[in-house]
């Protein structure tokens, strides 16, 4: 209703135009009916339904795919029948917000959640030290070909570039970056297990 007050009434929508609790996709919403062709109506409903389904999928838990990876719980599984549905321990893929952690006391006063600083507040510095140590470790390995390219791949991936972006910036093919990442994975895994 607030959205209508802020936006809808500006566009000439009156309170009488609002239809309450109409089913749109899998939700009940307040709507305003406007003239449209059948094609426009279908396209709009498809767009809104897709958005609602995406929100529903985003809120689903992560489960094992049986191959050692995590996937979103399939929609064929009903949350109401899940043993973890009301558990505090379930992992939802939905982004958590601090407002969800706020508390309301008996007098309706809201106490906002104030997260404590982590013990190691300088995690970026620690991360840089680990990255430098990894690069030093790569230099000590014998028989590693294209060391400069492997280091460039690591640095670009650390900067959150995609594989395609990394390939473009380094000047090689995507498959080369994929192959380099396959080579680096066991090396980095072993390094991190032995780091400290």
Protein backbone atom coordinates (compact mmCIF):
# COMPACT_ATOMS: atom_id res chain seq x y z
CA UNK A 1 0.00 0.00 0.00
CA UNK A 2 2.88 2.37 0.76
CA UNK A 3 4.24 1.82 -2.75
CA UNK A 4 0.89 2.92 -4.18
CA UNK A 5 0.90 6.02 -2.00
CA UNK A 6 4.43 6.93 -3.07
CA UNK A 7 4.31 5.97 -6.74
CA UNK A 8 0.86 4.92 -7.86
CA UNK A 9 -1.04 8.00 -6.86
CA UNK A 10 1.49 10.13 -8.72
CA UNK A 11 0.55 8.23 -11.88
CA UNK A 12 -3.13 8.98 -11.33
CA UNK A 13 -4.13 5.81 -9.46
CA UNK A 14 -6.76 6.34 -6.81
CA UNK A 15 -7.48 4.20 -3.77
CA UNK A 16 -10.67 2.98 -5.48
CA UNK A 17 -8.59 1.53 -8.36
CA UNK A 18 -6.69 -0.82 -6.06
CA UNK A 19 -7.86 -4.44 -5.99
CA UNK A 20 -6.75 -6.22 -2.82
CA UNK A 21 -5.51 -9.82 -2.48
CA UNK A 22 -5.53 -10.83 -6.13
CA UNK A 23 -3.52 -13.92 -7.00
CA UNK A 24 -0.53 -13.14 -9.19
CA UNK A 25 1.66 -16.18 -9.85
CA UNK A 26 2.03 -17.88 -6.48
CA UNK A 27 1.39 -14.77 -4.38
CA UNK A 28 -1.54 -12.64 -3.34
CA UNK A 29 -0.96 -8.97 -4.11
CA UNK A 30 -2.68 -5.62 -4.25
CA UNK A 31 -3.09 -4.77 -7.94
CA UNK A 32 -4.33 -2.03 -10.23
CA UNK A 33 -6.07 -3.19 -13.39
CA UNK A 34 -5.08 -1.37 -16.58
CA UNK A 35 -6.14 -1.92 -20.19
CA UNK A 36 -3.81 -4.31 -22.07
CA UNK A 37 -3.84 -6.81 -24.91
CA UNK A 38 -3.81 -10.52 -24.17
CA UNK A 39 -0.16 -10.73 -25.27
CA UNK A 40 0.85 -7.87 -22.95
CA UNK A 41 -1.04 -9.49 -20.07
CA UNK A 42 0.67 -12.87 -20.60
CA UNK A 43 4.11 -11.26 -20.93
CA UNK A 44 3.64 -9.17 -17.78
CA UNK A 45 2.37 -12.14 -15.74
CA UNK A 46 5.27 -14.28 -17.01
CA UNK A 47 7.76 -11.61 -15.94
CA UNK A 48 6.21 -11.19 -12.48
CA UNK A 49 5.85 -14.95 -11.97
CA UNK A 50 9.50 -15.49 -12.95
CA UNK A 51 10.55 -12.86 -10.42
CA UNK A 52 8.48 -14.49 -7.65
CA UNK A 53 9.89 -17.94 -8.49
CA UNK A 54 13.44 -16.55 -8.42
CA UNK A 55 12.82 -15.10 -4.94
CA UNK A 56 11.45 -18.47 -3.81
CA UNK A 57 14.44 -20.36 -5.25
CA UNK A 58 16.88 -17.91 -3.62
CA UNK A 59 15.37 -18.68 -0.21
CA UNK A 60 15.80 -22.45 -0.57
CA UNK A 61 18.46 -24.28 1.46
CA UNK A 62 21.70 -25.70 0.12
CA UNK A 63 21.82 -29.50 0.00
CA UNK A 64 24.37 -32.05 -1.21
CA UNK A 65 24.04 -33.16 -4.81
CA UNK A 66 25.58 -36.52 -3.83
CA UNK A 67 28.80 -35.72 -5.72
CA UNK A 68 30.46 -33.57 -3.08
CA UNK A 69 28.96 -30.27 -4.20
CA UNK A 70 26.15 -28.10 -2.85
CA UNK A 71 23.06 -27.20 -4.84
CA UNK A 72 19.81 -25.41 -4.03
CA UNK A 73 17.23 -27.83 -2.67
CA UNK A 74 15.07 -28.93 -5.64
CA UNK A 75 11.61 -27.41 -5.80
CA UNK A 76 10.06 -30.90 -5.87
CA UNK A 77 11.04 -31.19 -2.17
CA UNK A 78 8.45 -29.51 0.02
CA UNK A 79 9.87 -27.26 2.74
CA UNK A 80 6.91 -28.09 4.99
CA UNK A 81 7.94 -31.77 4.95
CA UNK A 82 11.64 -31.10 5.58
CA UNK A 83 13.08 -32.01 9.00
CA UNK A 84 15.19 -28.83 8.91
CA UNK A 85 12.35 -26.48 7.93
CA UNK A 86 12.03 -24.83 11.33
CA UNK A 87 15.64 -25.41 12.36
CA UNK A 88 17.94 -22.51 13.19
CA UNK A 89 20.81 -24.52 11.70
CA UNK A 90 19.58 -24.59 8.13
CA UNK A 91 21.57 -22.71 5.53
CA UNK A 92 19.46 -20.52 3.32
CA UNK A 93 20.89 -19.02 0.17
CA UNK A 94 19.00 -15.82 0.85
CA UNK A 95 21.07 -12.81 1.83
CA UNK A 96 20.85 -12.17 5.55
CA UNK A 97 20.36 -8.65 6.85
CA UNK A 98 21.17 -7.16 10.23
CA UNK A 99 17.57 -6.01 10.56
CA UNK A 100 16.55 -9.69 10.83
CA UNK A 101 18.68 -9.91 13.95
CA UNK A 102 17.07 -6.91 15.64
CA UNK A 103 15.10 -7.67 18.78
CA UNK A 104 11.78 -6.20 19.96
CA UNK A 105 11.29 -6.14 23.71
CA UNK A 106 8.02 -6.12 25.72
CA UNK A 107 7.61 -2.35 25.36
CA UNK A 108 7.97 -2.56 21.55
CA UNK A 109 11.42 -0.96 21.60
CA UNK A 110 13.70 -2.25 18.87
CA UNK A 111 17.27 -3.11 19.77
CA UNK A 112 19.34 -3.08 16.58
CA UNK A 113 21.94 -5.76 16.07
CA UNK A 114 25.46 -4.37 16.36
CA UNK A 115 28.02 -6.90 15.16
CA UNK A 116 31.27 -7.14 17.06
CA UNK A 117 34.51 -6.57 15.16
CA UNK A 118 36.27 -9.83 14.39
CA UNK A 119 39.33 -10.80 16.40
CA UNK A 120 41.51 -10.42 13.34
CA UNK A 121 40.21 -7.13 12.00
CA UNK A 122 43.08 -6.88 9.52
CA UNK A 123 41.92 -9.78 7.38
CA UNK A 124 42.75 -7.96 4.12
CA UNK A 125 46.39 -7.72 5.23
CA UNK A 126 46.37 -11.40 6.18
CA UNK A 127 44.86 -12.28 2.81
CA UNK A 128 47.63 -10.32 1.04
CA UNK A 129 50.29 -12.17 3.06
CA UNK A 130 48.77 -15.53 2.10
CA UNK A 131 48.70 -14.49 -1.57
CA UNK A 132 52.35 -13.39 -1.46
CA UNK A 133 53.32 -16.64 0.27
CA UNK A 134 51.47 -18.64 -2.40
CA UNK A 135 53.31 -16.82 -5.20
CA UNK A 136 56.63 -17.42 -3.41
CA UNK A 137 55.66 -21.09 -3.08
CA UNK A 138 54.98 -21.31 -6.84
CA UNK A 139 58.49 -19.94 -7.52
CA UNK A 140 60.01 -22.77 -5.46
CA UNK A 141 58.28 -25.52 -7.44
CA UNK A 142 60.34 -27.14 -10.18
CA UNK A 143 58.93 -28.17 -13.53
CA UNK A 144 56.06 -25.66 -13.45
CA UNK A 145 55.66 -24.23 -16.97
CA UNK A 146 54.31 -20.76 -17.78
CA UNK A 147 54.83 -19.56 -14.22
CA UNK A 148 54.22 -15.89 -15.09
CA UNK A 149 50.87 -16.74 -16.70
CA UNK A 150 49.86 -18.92 -13.73
CA UNK A 151 50.62 -16.07 -11.33
CA UNK A 152 48.68 -13.65 -13.56
CA UNK A 153 45.70 -16.06 -13.52
CA UNK A 154 45.80 -16.19 -9.73
CA UNK A 155 45.96 -12.40 -9.41
CA UNK A 156 43.09 -11.82 -11.82
CA UNK A 157 40.92 -14.45 -10.12
CA UNK A 158 41.72 -12.89 -6.73
CA UNK A 159 40.44 -9.60 -8.17
CA UNK A 160 37.21 -11.50 -8.97
CA UNK A 161 37.61 -11.40 -12.74
CA UNK A 162 35.71 -14.10 -14.58
CA UNK A 163 37.58 -16.72 -16.55
CA UNK A 164 36.72 -14.91 -19.80
CA UNK A 165 37.88 -11.54 -18.42
CA UNK A 166 41.08 -13.16 -17.13
CA UNK A 167 41.75 -14.68 -20.55
CA UNK A 168 41.20 -11.33 -22.28
CA UNK A 169 43.48 -9.44 -19.88
CA UNK A 170 46.27 -12.03 -20.11
CA UNK A 171 45.88 -12.43 -23.86
CA UNK A 172 45.13 -16.15 -24.09
CA UNK A 173 42.13 -18.37 -24.64
CA UNK A 174 39.48 -19.25 -22.08
CA UNK A 175 40.44 -22.92 -22.32
CA UNK A 176 44.03 -22.01 -21.41
CA UNK A 177 42.83 -20.26 -18.25
CA UNK A 178 40.61 -23.27 -17.46
CA UNK A 179 43.61 -25.57 -17.89
CA UNK A 180 45.78 -23.31 -15.71
CA UNK A 181 43.15 -23.33 -12.97
CA UNK A 182 43.02 -27.14 -13.14
CA UNK A 183 46.82 -27.21 -12.68
CA UNK A 184 46.72 -24.69 -9.84
CA UNK A 185 43.89 -26.26 -7.84
CA UNK A 186 45.85 -29.15 -6.25
CA UNK A 187 48.88 -26.90 -5.69
CA UNK A 188 46.84 -24.20 -3.95
CA UNK A 189 44.87 -26.77 -1.95
CA UNK A 190 48.05 -28.40 -0.63
CA UNK A 191 49.61 -25.00 0.06
CA UNK A 192 46.62 -23.84 2.11
CA UNK A 193 46.52 -27.08 4.09
CA UNK A 194 50.18 -26.62 5.05
CA UNK A 195 50.06 -22.82 5.48
CA UNK A 196 50.96 -21.30 8.89
